[in-house]
C-alpha atoms as a PDB file:
ATOM      1  CA  MET A   1     143.167 112.798 170.386  1.00  0.00           C
ATOM      2  CA  PRO A   2     144.040 110.669 167.333  1.00  0.00           C
ATOM      3  CA  LYS A   3     146.749 108.069 167.448  1.00  0.00           C
ATOM      4  CA  SER A   4     148.636 106.573 164.526  1.00  0.00           C
ATOM      5  CA  ASN A   5     146.780 103.264 164.753  1.00  0.00           C
ATOM      6  CA  GLN A   6     143.496 105.188 164.425  1.00  0.00           C
ATOM      7  CA  MET A   7     144.524 106.801 161.150  1.00  0.00           C
ATOM      8  CA  SER A   8     143.563 105.135 157.910  1.00  0.00           C
ATOM      9  CA  PRO A   9     146.246 103.524 155.724  1.00  0.00           C
ATOM     10  CA  GLU A  10     145.591 106.271 153.179  1.00  0.00           C
ATOM     11  CA  GLU A  11     146.201 109.010 155.777  1.00  0.00           C
ATOM     12  CA  LEU A  12     149.430 107.386 156.944  1.00  0.00           C
ATOM     13  CA  ALA A  13     150.625 107.001 153.346  1.00  0.00           C
ATOM     14  CA  SER A  14     149.923 110.694 152.772  1.00  0.00           C
ATOM     15  CA  CYS A  15     151.990 111.598 155.849  1.00  0.00           C
ATOM     16  CA  ARG A  16     154.924 109.559 154.576  1.00  0.00           C
ATOM     17  CA  GLN A  17     154.721 111.165 151.139  1.00  0.00           C
ATOM     18  CA  GLN A  18     154.714 114.650 152.689  1.00  0.00           C
ATOM     19  CA  LEU A  19     157.697 113.730 154.849  1.00  0.00           C
ATOM     20  CA  GLU A  20     159.574 112.313 151.861  1.00  0.00           C
ATOM     21  CA  ARG A  21     159.115 115.603 150.017  1.00  0.00           C
ATOM     22  CA  ARG A  22     160.399 117.522 153.047  1.00  0.00           C
ATOM     23  CA  TRP A  23     163.496 115.345 153.337  1.00  0.00           C
ATOM     24  CA  LYS A  24     164.277 115.557 149.610  1.00  0.00           C
ATOM     25  CA  ASN A  25     164.051 119.357 149.682  1.00  0.00           C
ATOM     26  CA  ARG A  26     166.358 119.903 152.669  1.00  0.00           C
ATOM     27  CA  LYS A  27     169.463 122.001 152.073  1.00  0.00           C
ATOM     28  CA  VAL A  28     172.823 122.059 153.825  1.00  0.00           C
ATOM     29  CA  ASP A  29     173.533 125.323 155.697  1.00  0.00           C
ATOM     30  CA  GLU A  30     177.196 125.767 154.778  1.00  0.00           C
ATOM     31  CA  ALA A  31     177.787 128.891 156.896  1.00  0.00           C
ATOM     32  CA  LEU A  32     176.328 127.147 159.945  1.00  0.00           C
ATOM     33  CA  LEU A  33     178.525 124.095 159.405  1.00  0.00           C
ATOM     34  CA  GLU A  34     181.619 126.247 159.057  1.00  0.00           C
ATOM     35  CA  ARG A  35     180.905 127.935 162.410  1.00  0.00           C
ATOM     36  CA  ALA A  36     180.193 124.573 164.034  1.00  0.00           C
ATOM     37  CA  TRP A  37     183.474 123.073 162.894  1.00  0.00           C
ATOM     38  CA  HIS A  38     185.371 126.148 164.072  1.00  0.00           C
ATOM     39  CA  ALA A  39     183.906 125.529 167.543  1.00  0.00           C
ATOM     40  CA  VAL A  40     184.871 121.844 167.326  1.00  0.00           C
ATOM     41  CA  TYR A  41     188.529 122.627 166.609  1.00  0.00           C
ATOM     42  CA  GLU A  42     188.643 125.092 169.502  1.00  0.00           C
ATOM     43  CA  ILE A  43     187.268 122.444 171.872  1.00  0.00           C
ATOM     44  CA  ALA A  44     189.534 119.690 170.517  1.00  0.00           C
ATOM     45  CA  THR A  45     192.594 121.888 171.082  1.00  0.00           C
ATOM     46  CA  LEU A  46     191.459 122.500 174.664  1.00  0.00           C
ATOM     47  CA  LEU A  47     190.926 118.775 175.312  1.00  0.00           C
ATOM     48  CA  TYR A  48     194.321 117.789 173.924  1.00  0.00           C
ATOM     49  CA  GLU A  49     196.407 120.588 175.445  1.00  0.00           C
ATOM     50  CA  GLU A  50     194.803 121.127 178.866  1.00  0.00           C
ATOM     51  CA  PHE A  51     193.326 117.735 179.700  1.00  0.00           C
ATOM     52  CA  GLY A  52     195.574 115.229 177.936  1.00  0.00           C
ATOM     53  CA  ALA A  53     192.948 113.631 175.705  1.00  0.00           C
ATOM     54  CA  THR A  54     194.305 110.810 173.553  1.00  0.00           C
ATOM     55  CA  ARG A  55     191.636 111.135 170.858  1.00  0.00           C
ATOM     56  CA  VAL A  56     188.779 113.488 169.969  1.00  0.00           C
ATOM     57  CA  ALA A  57     186.030 112.884 167.405  1.00  0.00           C
ATOM     58  CA  VAL A  58     182.723 114.327 166.262  1.00  0.00           C
ATOM     59  CA  PHE A  59     179.601 112.171 165.903  1.00  0.00           C
ATOM     60  CA  GLY A  60     175.839 112.707 165.830  1.00  0.00           C
ATOM     61  CA  SER A  61     174.120 115.444 163.826  1.00  0.00           C
ATOM     62  CA  LEU A  62     177.313 117.242 162.820  1.00  0.00           C
ATOM     63  CA  ALA A  63     178.590 113.984 161.306  1.00  0.00           C
ATOM     64  CA  GLU A  64     175.530 114.089 159.017  1.00  0.00           C
ATOM     65  CA  PRO A  65     175.468 117.665 157.647  1.00  0.00           C
ATOM     66  CA  ILE A  66     172.045 117.435 156.038  1.00  0.00           C
ATOM     67  CA  ASN A  67     170.580 116.924 159.531  1.00  0.00           C
ATOM     68  CA  PHE A  68     172.490 119.730 161.269  1.00  0.00           C
ATOM     69  CA  THR A  69     170.403 122.792 162.167  1.00  0.00           C
ATOM     70  CA  LYS A  70     170.726 125.860 164.386  1.00  0.00           C
ATOM     71  CA  SER A  71     169.113 123.958 167.252  1.00  0.00           C
ATOM     72  CA  SER A  72     171.298 120.846 166.889  1.00  0.00           C
ATOM     73  CA  ASP A  73     173.782 119.892 169.588  1.00  0.00           C
ATOM     74  CA  ILE A  74     177.424 119.278 168.719  1.00  0.00           C
ATOM     75  CA  ASP A  75     178.321 115.783 169.954  1.00  0.00           C
ATOM     76  CA  ILE A  76     182.013 115.310 170.734  1.00  0.00           C
ATOM     77  CA  ALA A  77     183.534 112.050 171.976  1.00  0.00           C
ATOM     78  CA  VAL A  78     186.779 112.155 173.927  1.00  0.00           C
ATOM     79  CA  TRP A  79     189.145 109.320 174.836  1.00  0.00           C
ATOM     80  CA  GLY A  80     191.723 108.953 177.602  1.00  0.00           C
ATOM     81  CA  LEU A  81     190.067 110.950 180.405  1.00  0.00           C
ATOM     82  CA  THR A  82     189.130 109.707 183.854  1.00  0.00           C
ATOM     83  CA  ASP A  83     185.641 110.525 185.134  1.00  0.00           C
ATOM     84  CA  LYS A  84     187.053 113.288 187.314  1.00  0.00           C
ATOM     85  CA  VAL A  85     189.050 114.870 184.495  1.00  0.00           C
ATOM     86  CA  HIS A  86     186.101 114.536 182.112  1.00  0.00           C
ATOM     87  CA  THR A  87     183.920 116.441 184.584  1.00  0.00           C
ATOM     88  CA  ARG A  88     186.486 119.249 184.764  1.00  0.00           C
ATOM     89  CA  ALA A  89     186.798 119.315 180.981  1.00  0.00           C
ATOM     90  CA  ASN A  90     183.029 119.479 180.638  1.00  0.00           C
ATOM     91  CA  ARG A  91     182.876 122.534 182.876  1.00  0.00           C
ATOM     92  CA  LYS A  92     185.599 124.250 180.853  1.00  0.00           C
ATOM     93  CA  VAL A  93     183.771 123.473 177.610  1.00  0.00           C
ATOM     94  CA  TRP A  94     180.563 124.984 179.019  1.00  0.00           C
ATOM     95  CA  ASP A  95     182.484 128.232 179.580  1.00  0.00           C
ATOM     96  CA  ILE A  96     183.419 128.536 175.904  1.00  0.00           C
ATOM     97  CA  ASP A  97     181.499 131.310 174.171  1.00  0.00           C
ATOM     98  CA  THR A  98     179.680 129.548 171.339  1.00  0.00           C
ATOM     99  CA  GLU A  99     176.215 129.577 169.804  1.00  0.00           C
ATOM    100  CA  PHE A 100     176.055 125.783 170.026  1.00  0.00           C
ATOM    101  CA  LYS A 101     175.208 123.404 172.865  1.00  0.00           C
ATOM    102  CA  ILE A 102     178.097 120.981 173.302  1.00  0.00           C
ATOM    103  CA  ASP A 103     177.629 117.400 174.518  1.00  0.00           C
ATOM    104  CA  LEU A 104     181.018 116.053 175.598  1.00  0.00           C
ATOM    105  CA  ILE A 105     180.892 112.255 175.847  1.00  0.00           C
ATOM    106  CA  ASN A 106     183.506 110.208 177.693  1.00  0.00           C
ATOM    107  CA  PHE A 107     183.888 107.390 175.176  1.00  0.00           C
ATOM    108  CA  ASP A 108     185.740 105.130 177.595  1.00  0.00           C
ATOM    109  CA  ILE A 109     182.589 104.592 179.682  1.00  0.00           C
ATOM    110  CA  THR A 110     180.114 104.200 176.803  1.00  0.00           C
ATOM    111  CA  LYS A 111     178.600 100.802 176.069  1.00  0.00           C
ATOM    112  CA  GLY A 112     176.516  98.818 173.605  1.00  0.00           C
ATOM    113  CA  LEU A 113     174.706 100.369 170.670  1.00  0.00           C
ATOM    114  CA  PHE A 114     175.599 103.914 171.699  1.00  0.00           C
ATOM    115  CA  GLN A 115     179.307 103.077 171.613  1.00  0.00           C
ATOM    116  CA  GLU A 116     178.886 101.356 168.252  1.00  0.00           C
ATOM    117  CA  ARG A 117     177.149 104.404 166.805  1.00  0.00           C
ATOM    118  CA  ILE A 118     179.973 106.687 167.925  1.00  0.00           C
ATOM    119  CA  GLN A 119     182.522 104.388 166.298  1.00  0.00           C
ATOM    120  CA  GLN A 120     180.547 104.207 163.052  1.00  0.00           C
ATOM    121  CA  GLN A 121     180.020 107.968 162.788  1.00  0.00           C
ATOM    122  CA  ALA A 122     183.241 109.297 164.279  1.00  0.00           C
ATOM    123  CA  ILE A 123     185.051 112.023 162.357  1.00  0.00           C
ATOM    124  CA  PRO A 124     188.410 112.258 164.171  1.00  0.00           C
ATOM    125  CA  ILE A 125     190.083 115.572 164.969  1.00  0.00           C
ATOM    126  CA  LYS A 126     193.819 114.988 165.220  1.00  0.00           C
ATOM    127  CA  LYS A 127     196.020 116.728 167.754  1.00  0.00           C
ATOM    128  CA  GLY A 128     197.472 119.922 166.323  1.00  0.00           C
ATOM    129  CA  GLU A 129     195.297 119.691 163.220  1.00  0.00           C
ATOM    130  CA  GLN A 130     194.265 123.054 161.770  1.00  0.00           C
ATOM    131  CA  PRO A 131     190.680 123.885 160.736  1.00  0.00           C
ATOM    132  CA  THR A 132     190.002 122.758 157.194  1.00  0.00           C
ATOM    133  CA  LEU A 133     187.260 123.192 154.622  1.00  0.00           C
ATOM    134  CA  TRP A 134     184.280 121.457 156.246  1.00  0.00           C
ATOM    135  CA  LYS A 135     183.318 119.524 153.106  1.00  0.00           C
ATOM    136  CA  THR A 136     186.605 117.603 153.116  1.00  0.00           C
ATOM    137  CA  LEU A 137     185.767 116.202 156.551  1.00  0.00           C
ATOM    138  CA  TYR A 138     182.897 114.182 155.094  1.00  0.00           C
ATOM    139  CA  ARG A 139     184.690 112.571 152.149  1.00  0.00           C
ATOM    140  CA  HIS A 140     184.976 109.154 153.761  1.00  0.00           C
ATOM    141  CA  LEU A 141     181.267 109.284 154.652  1.00  0.00           C
ATOM    142  CA  ASN A 142     179.880 110.588 151.360  1.00  0.00           C
ATOM    143  CA  ARG A 143     177.928 107.465 150.446  1.00  0.00           C
ATOM    144  CA  HIS A 144     176.222 107.479 153.841  1.00  0.00           C
ATOM    145  CA  VAL A 145     175.714 111.224 154.190  1.00  0.00           C
ATOM    146  CA  PHE A 146     174.682 112.164 150.669  1.00  0.00           C
ATOM    147  CA  PRO A 147     172.530 109.468 148.985  1.00  0.00           C
ATOM    148  CA  ILE A 148     173.429 108.895 145.349  1.00  0.00           C
ATOM    149  CA  VAL A 149     169.961 107.706 144.333  1.00  0.00           C
ATOM    150  CA  GLU A 150     167.075 110.052 145.176  1.00  0.00           C
ATOM    151  CA  GLU A 151     164.832 107.140 146.125  1.00  0.00           C
ATOM    152  CA  GLN A 152     167.232 106.323 148.985  1.00  0.00           C
ATOM    153  CA  VAL A 153     166.637 109.636 150.755  1.00  0.00           C
ATOM    154  CA  TYR A 154     163.510 108.655 152.674  1.00  0.00           C
ATOM    155  CA  GLU A 155     164.699 105.234 153.801  1.00  0.00           C
ATOM    156  CA  MET A 156     168.114 106.520 154.861  1.00  0.00           C
ATOM    157  CA  ASN A 157     166.583 109.311 156.956  1.00  0.00           C
ATOM    158  CA  ARG A 158     163.892 107.044 158.418  1.00  0.00           C
ATOM    159  CA  LYS A 159     166.478 104.539 159.608  1.00  0.00           C
ATOM    160  CA  LYS A 160     168.711 107.226 161.090  1.00  0.00           C
ATOM    161  CA  LEU A 161     165.830 108.917 162.889  1.00  0.00           C
ATOM    162  CA  THR A 162     164.657 105.589 164.316  1.00  0.00           C
ATOM    163  CA  GLN A 163     168.206 104.736 165.387  1.00  0.00           C
ATOM    164  CA  ARG A 164     168.641 108.068 167.184  1.00  0.00           C
ATOM    165  CA  ILE A 165     165.328 107.599 168.983  1.00  0.00           C
ATOM    166  CA  ASN A 166     166.305 104.078 170.040  1.00  0.00           C
ATOM    167  CA  ASP A 167     169.744 105.230 171.219  1.00  0.00           C
ATOM    168  CA  GLU A 168     168.241 107.985 173.345  1.00  0.00           C
ATOM    169  CA  CYS A 169     165.641 105.589 174.779  1.00  0.00           C
ATOM    170  CA  ALA A 170     168.426 103.214 175.803  1.00  0.00           C
ATOM    171  CA  LYS A 171     170.120 106.024 177.742  1.00  0.00           C
ATOM    172  CA  ILE A 172     166.834 107.024 179.357  1.00  0.00           C
ATOM    173  CA  GLU A 173     166.178 103.419 180.363  1.00  0.00           C
ATOM    174  CA  THR A 174     169.550 103.291 182.131  1.00  0.00           C
ATOM    175  CA  THR A 175     168.583 106.374 184.150  1.00  0.00           C
ATOM    176  CA  VAL A 176     165.164 104.910 184.953  1.00  0.00           C
ATOM    177  CA  ARG A 177     166.846 101.776 186.326  1.00  0.00           C
ATOM    178  CA  ALA A 178     169.169 103.946 188.422  1.00  0.00           C
ATOM    179  CA  ILE A 179     166.140 105.719 189.912  1.00  0.00           C
ATOM    180  CA  ALA A 180     164.567 102.376 190.835  1.00  0.00           C
ATOM    181  CA  LYS A 181     167.819 101.310 192.523  1.00  0.00           C
ATOM    182  CA  ALA A 182     168.005 104.607 194.429  1.00  0.00           C
ATOM    183  CA  LEU A 183     164.460 104.096 195.726  1.00  0.00           C
ATOM    184  CA  GLU A 184     165.570 100.759 197.152  1.00  0.00           C
ATOM    185  CA  ASP A 185     168.750 102.203 198.671  1.00  0.00           C
ATOM    186  CA  ILE A 186     167.050 105.110 200.400  1.00  0.00           C
ATOM    187  CA  GLU A 187     164.986 102.734 202.544  1.00  0.00           C
ATOM    188  CA  VAL A 188     168.061 101.246 204.214  1.00  0.00           C
ATOM    189  CA  LEU A 189     170.424 104.227 204.379  1.00  0.00           C
ATOM    190  CA  PRO A 190     171.027 106.270 207.544  1.00  0.00           C
ATOM    191  CA  VAL A 191     168.903 109.402 207.846  1.00  0.00           C
ATOM    192  CA  ALA A 192     171.985 111.600 207.367  1.00  0.00           C
ATOM    193  CA  ALA A 193     172.546 110.143 203.901  1.00  0.00           C
ATOM    194  CA  ARG A 194     168.966 110.402 202.692  1.00  0.00           C
ATOM    195  CA  GLN A 195     169.202 113.986 201.483  1.00  0.00           C
ATOM    196  CA  TYR A 196     171.974 113.138 199.020  1.00  0.00           C
ATOM    197  CA  ILE A 197     169.959 110.254 197.560  1.00  0.00           C
ATOM    198  CA  GLU A 198     166.847 112.440 197.375  1.00  0.00           C
ATOM    199  CA  GLU A 199     168.787 115.082 195.442  1.00  0.00           C
ATOM    200  CA  SER A 200     170.223 112.401 193.165  1.00  0.00           C
ATOM    201  CA  ILE A 201     166.754 111.002 192.410  1.00  0.00           C
ATOM    202  CA  ALA A 202     165.408 114.485 191.651  1.00  0.00           C
ATOM    203  CA  ASN A 203     168.289 115.190 189.266  1.00  0.00           C
ATOM    204  CA  LYS A 204     167.868 111.830 187.547  1.00  0.00           C
ATOM    205  CA  LEU A 205     164.160 112.510 187.038  1.00  0.00           C
ATOM    206  CA  ALA A 206     165.110 115.803 185.390  1.00  0.00           C
ATOM    207  CA  ASP A 207     167.589 113.888 183.205  1.00  0.00           C
ATOM    208  CA  VAL A 208     164.826 111.503 182.119  1.00  0.00           C
ATOM    209  CA  TYR A 209     162.679 114.374 180.921  1.00  0.00           C
ATOM    210  CA  ARG A 210     165.633 116.003 179.177  1.00  0.00           C
ATOM    211  CA  GLY A 211     166.304 112.766 177.295  1.00  0.00           C
ATOM    212  CA  MET A 212     162.674 112.532 176.212  1.00  0.00           C
ATOM    213  CA  GLU A 213     162.747 116.178 175.183  1.00  0.00           C
ATOM    214  CA  ARG A 214     165.831 115.555 173.036  1.00  0.00           C
ATOM    215  CA  ILE A 215     163.796 112.999 171.090  1.00  0.00           C
ATOM    216  CA  PHE A 216     160.982 115.516 170.646  1.00  0.00           C
ATOM    217  CA  GLU A 217     163.480 118.145 169.461  1.00  0.00           C
ATOM    218  CA  ARG A 218     164.838 115.744 166.853  1.00  0.00           C
ATOM    219  CA  ILE A 219     161.344 114.934 165.577  1.00  0.00           C
ATOM    220  CA  ALA A 220     160.444 118.637 165.521  1.00  0.00           C
ATOM    221  CA  ASN A 221     163.574 119.462 163.526  1.00  0.00           C
ATOM    222  CA  GLU A 222     163.762 116.494 161.179  1.00  0.00           C
ATOM    223  CA  VAL A 223     160.076 115.723 160.604  1.00  0.00           C
ATOM    224  CA  ASP A 224     158.041 118.833 161.406  1.00  0.00           C
ATOM    225  CA  GLY A 225     160.629 121.360 160.261  1.00  0.00           C
ATOM    226  CA  HIS A 226     159.653 123.554 163.214  1.00  0.00           C
ATOM    227  CA  LEU A 227     161.043 123.841 166.743  1.00  0.00           C
ATOM    228  CA  PRO A 228     159.244 126.252 169.125  1.00  0.00           C
ATOM    229  CA  ARG A 229     161.309 129.283 170.141  1.00  0.00           C
ATOM    230  CA  SER A 230     159.217 131.234 172.671  1.00  0.00           C
ATOM    231  CA  SER A 231     159.797 131.416 176.422  1.00  0.00           C
ATOM    232  CA  ARG A 232     157.258 128.561 176.705  1.00  0.00           C
ATOM    233  CA  TRP A 233     159.075 126.405 174.184  1.00  0.00           C
ATOM    234  CA  HIS A 234     159.371 123.374 176.493  1.00  0.00           C
ATOM    235  CA  LYS A 235     155.590 123.239 176.976  1.00  0.00           C
ATOM    236  CA  ASN A 236     154.885 124.136 173.346  1.00  0.00           C
ATOM    237  CA  LEU A 237     157.167 121.361 172.118  1.00  0.00           C
ATOM    238  CA  LEU A 238     155.397 118.826 174.319  1.00  0.00           C
ATOM    239  CA  GLU A 239     152.029 119.974 172.963  1.00  0.00           C
ATOM    240  CA  GLN A 240     153.377 119.808 169.402  1.00  0.00           C
ATOM    241  CA  MET A 241     154.094 116.108 169.872  1.00  0.00           C
ATOM    242  CA  THR A 242     150.388 115.424 170.530  1.00  0.00           C
ATOM    243  CA  LYS A 243     149.228 116.916 167.244  1.00  0.00           C
ATOM    244  CA  GLN A 244     148.743 115.232 163.907  1.00  0.00           C
ATOM    245  CA  ARG A 245     150.722 117.042 161.203  1.00  0.00           C
ATOM    246  CA  PRO A 246     150.870 116.713 157.410  1.00  0.00           C
ATOM    247  CA  GLU A 247     154.139 114.758 157.718  1.00  0.00           C
ATOM    248  CA  ARG A 248     153.234 112.463 160.603  1.00  0.00           C
ATOM    249  CA  PRO A 249     150.640 111.134 163.047  1.00  0.00           C
ATOM    250  CA  PRO A 250     150.744 112.242 166.711  1.00  0.00           C
ATOM    251  CA  VAL A 251     153.914 111.127 168.467  1.00  0.00           C
ATOM    252  CA  ILE A 252     152.465 110.647 171.968  1.00  0.00           C
ATOM    253  CA  SER A 253     149.056 109.806 173.408  1.00  0.00           C
ATOM    254  CA  GLU A 254     146.897 111.963 175.666  1.00  0.00           C
ATOM    255  CA  ASN A 255     147.821 109.821 178.677  1.00  0.00           C
ATOM    256  CA  THR A 256     151.559 110.175 178.050  1.00  0.00           C
ATOM    257  CA  PHE A 257     151.159 113.905 177.431  1.00  0.00           C
ATOM    258  CA  LEU A 258     149.462 114.474 180.787  1.00  0.00           C
ATOM    259  CA  GLN A 259     152.112 112.530 182.699  1.00  0.00           C
ATOM    260  CA  LEU A 260     154.951 114.282 180.885  1.00  0.00           C
ATOM    261  CA  GLY A 261     153.359 117.640 181.646  1.00  0.00           C
ATOM    262  CA  GLU A 262     153.616 116.869 185.359  1.00  0.00           C
ATOM    263  CA  LEU A 263     157.220 115.696 184.986  1.00  0.00           C
ATOM    264  CA  LEU A 264     158.079 118.877 183.056  1.00  0.00           C
ATOM    265  CA  GLU A 265     156.736 120.993 185.926  1.00  0.00           C
ATOM    266  CA  PHE A 266     158.795 118.955 188.383  1.00  0.00           C
ATOM    267  CA  ARG A 267     161.923 119.363 186.257  1.00  0.00           C
ATOM    268  CA  HIS A 268     161.391 123.122 186.242  1.00  0.00           C
ATOM    269  CA  LYS A 269     161.392 123.075 190.049  1.00  0.00           C
ATOM    270  CA  VAL A 270     164.555 120.962 190.143  1.00  0.00           C
ATOM    271  CA  ASN A 271     166.317 123.394 187.820  1.00  0.00           C
ATOM    272  CA  ASN A 272     165.152 126.572 189.526  1.00  0.00           C
ATOM    273  CA  ILE A 273     165.102 126.060 193.305  1.00  0.00           C
ATOM    274  CA  TYR A 274     167.654 124.944 195.850  1.00  0.00           C
ATOM    275  CA  ALA A 275     167.840 121.209 196.475  1.00  0.00           C
ATOM    276  CA  ASP A 276     166.927 121.531 200.154  1.00  0.00           C
ATOM    277  CA  GLU A 277     163.681 123.261 199.163  1.00  0.00           C
ATOM    278  CA  LEU A 278     162.441 120.236 197.228  1.00  0.00           C
ATOM    279  CA  ILE A 279     159.735 118.252 198.967  1.00  0.00           C
ATOM    280  CA  TYR A 280     160.794 114.606 198.888  1.00  0.00           C
ATOM    281  CA  GLU A 281     157.212 113.328 198.799  1.00  0.00           C
ATOM    282  CA  SER A 282     156.830 114.964 195.381  1.00  0.00           C
ATOM    283  CA  THR A 283     160.143 113.526 194.196  1.00  0.00           C
ATOM    284  CA  GLU A 284     159.196 110.073 195.475  1.00  0.00           C
ATOM    285  CA  GLU A 285     155.830 110.182 193.717  1.00  0.00           C
ATOM    286  CA  HIS A 286     157.440 110.910 190.358  1.00  0.00           C
ATOM    287  CA  ALA A 287     160.187 108.353 190.979  1.00  0.00           C
ATOM    288  CA  LYS A 288     157.729 105.558 191.757  1.00  0.00           C
ATOM    289  CA  ASN A 289     155.779 106.338 188.580  1.00  0.00           C
ATOM    290  CA  ILE A 290     158.733 106.766 186.233  1.00  0.00           C
ATOM    291  CA  GLU A 291     158.923 103.150 185.017  1.00  0.00           C
ATOM    292  CA  LYS A 292     155.231 103.194 184.078  1.00  0.00           C
ATOM    293  CA  LEU A 293     155.642 106.548 182.338  1.00  0.00           C
ATOM    294  CA  PHE A 294     158.694 105.349 180.421  1.00  0.00           C
ATOM    295  CA  LYS A 295     156.789 102.293 179.182  1.00  0.00           C
ATOM    296  CA  SER A 296     153.916 104.465 177.964  1.00  0.00           C
ATOM    297  CA  PHE A 297     156.398 106.821 176.296  1.00  0.00           C
ATOM    298  CA  SER A 298     158.273 103.916 174.656  1.00  0.00           C
ATOM    299  CA  ASP A 299     155.071 102.299 173.385  1.00  0.00           C
ATOM    300  CA  ASP A 300     154.006 105.589 171.788  1.00  0.00           C
ATOM    301  CA  LEU A 301     157.397 106.034 170.138  1.00  0.00           C
ATOM    302  CA  ASN A 302     157.380 102.480 168.790  1.00  0.00           C
ATOM    303  CA  MET A 303     153.988 103.178 167.238  1.00  0.00           C
ATOM    304  CA  PHE A 304     155.323 106.414 165.763  1.00  0.00           C
ATOM    305  CA  THR A 305     158.450 104.867 164.222  1.00  0.00           C
ATOM    306  CA  ASP A 306     156.384 101.970 162.856  1.00  0.00           C
ATOM    307  CA  SER A 307     154.173 104.531 161.114  1.00  0.00           C
ATOM    308  CA  LEU A 308     157.203 105.841 159.190  1.00  0.00           C
ATOM    309  CA  VAL A 309     157.800 102.547 157.374  1.00  0.00           C
ATOM    310  CA  GLN A 310     156.893 102.948 153.714  1.00  0.00           C
ATOM    311  CA  HIS A 311     154.548 100.542 151.949  1.00  0.00           C
ATOM    312  CA  GLN A 312     153.557  99.924 148.342  1.00  0.00           C
ATOM    313  CA  GLU A 313     150.680 102.403 148.498  1.00  0.00           C
ATOM    314  CA  ASP A 314     153.201 105.223 149.062  1.00  0.00           C
ATOM    315  CA  ALA A 315     154.614 104.887 145.571  1.00  0.00           C
END
């Protein structure tokens, strides 16, 4: 299987040129954005009126309309909620009938680069504010969202894609560290407490894969222009990341692909069987290997994002 460092400079330049053409030809789906913002206002009203939120704001893909697609999540940050109240609010949001997946982030517990990105992108929704024409919401961001000079399109999108990948990797790394800590704790805990730690480790392993998959979804949407839709879409997406495409080199290596395939199967079990039916030996095996897998995954992604950097031969 080819890797980006095995492609010739000419092949990589051709990929970047193809990707630049794709990014320049993207169109904003105005009807989709209008529906998305309608959902946002419904959720903001709920957070203010039922849960006492002090502030609500949109960030992520919806804050950059050119990047928002049917498969994009709506990222909403909320301020002024305790962990317990945020959990209850999250459950209520999940019950809302909407075509979009909502990620409700408790801003008060965010840190570092992720917190900075929310602050930079935030489009606030004021309490009692009525839905407005979606275009007006982006006025203060116009220079960042809609490049004035056509030549800026590629570089702006490359930087944003790389930033999103790095942000997601930082969150995954936090979960990986938590798994390592749980493996240490389980050795000294009473037998009666082991089951709860085992379940926690299994769920965190599933979270790791979901974070990695979010990165693959973003690459599929923003670079490939194609996200699998079949009942096997999780497996198909993983396979898609191994392939060289006109717009890019392969994203992951054969070794990473094989390990992620095993983790995907494990995640499916976590999501589809009762916790007490999980065999801890299987959970432990994945947990002990997760740091090594994350390093392999990160190395592949660094190689991929490096391949996006334009050079003189691209002109």
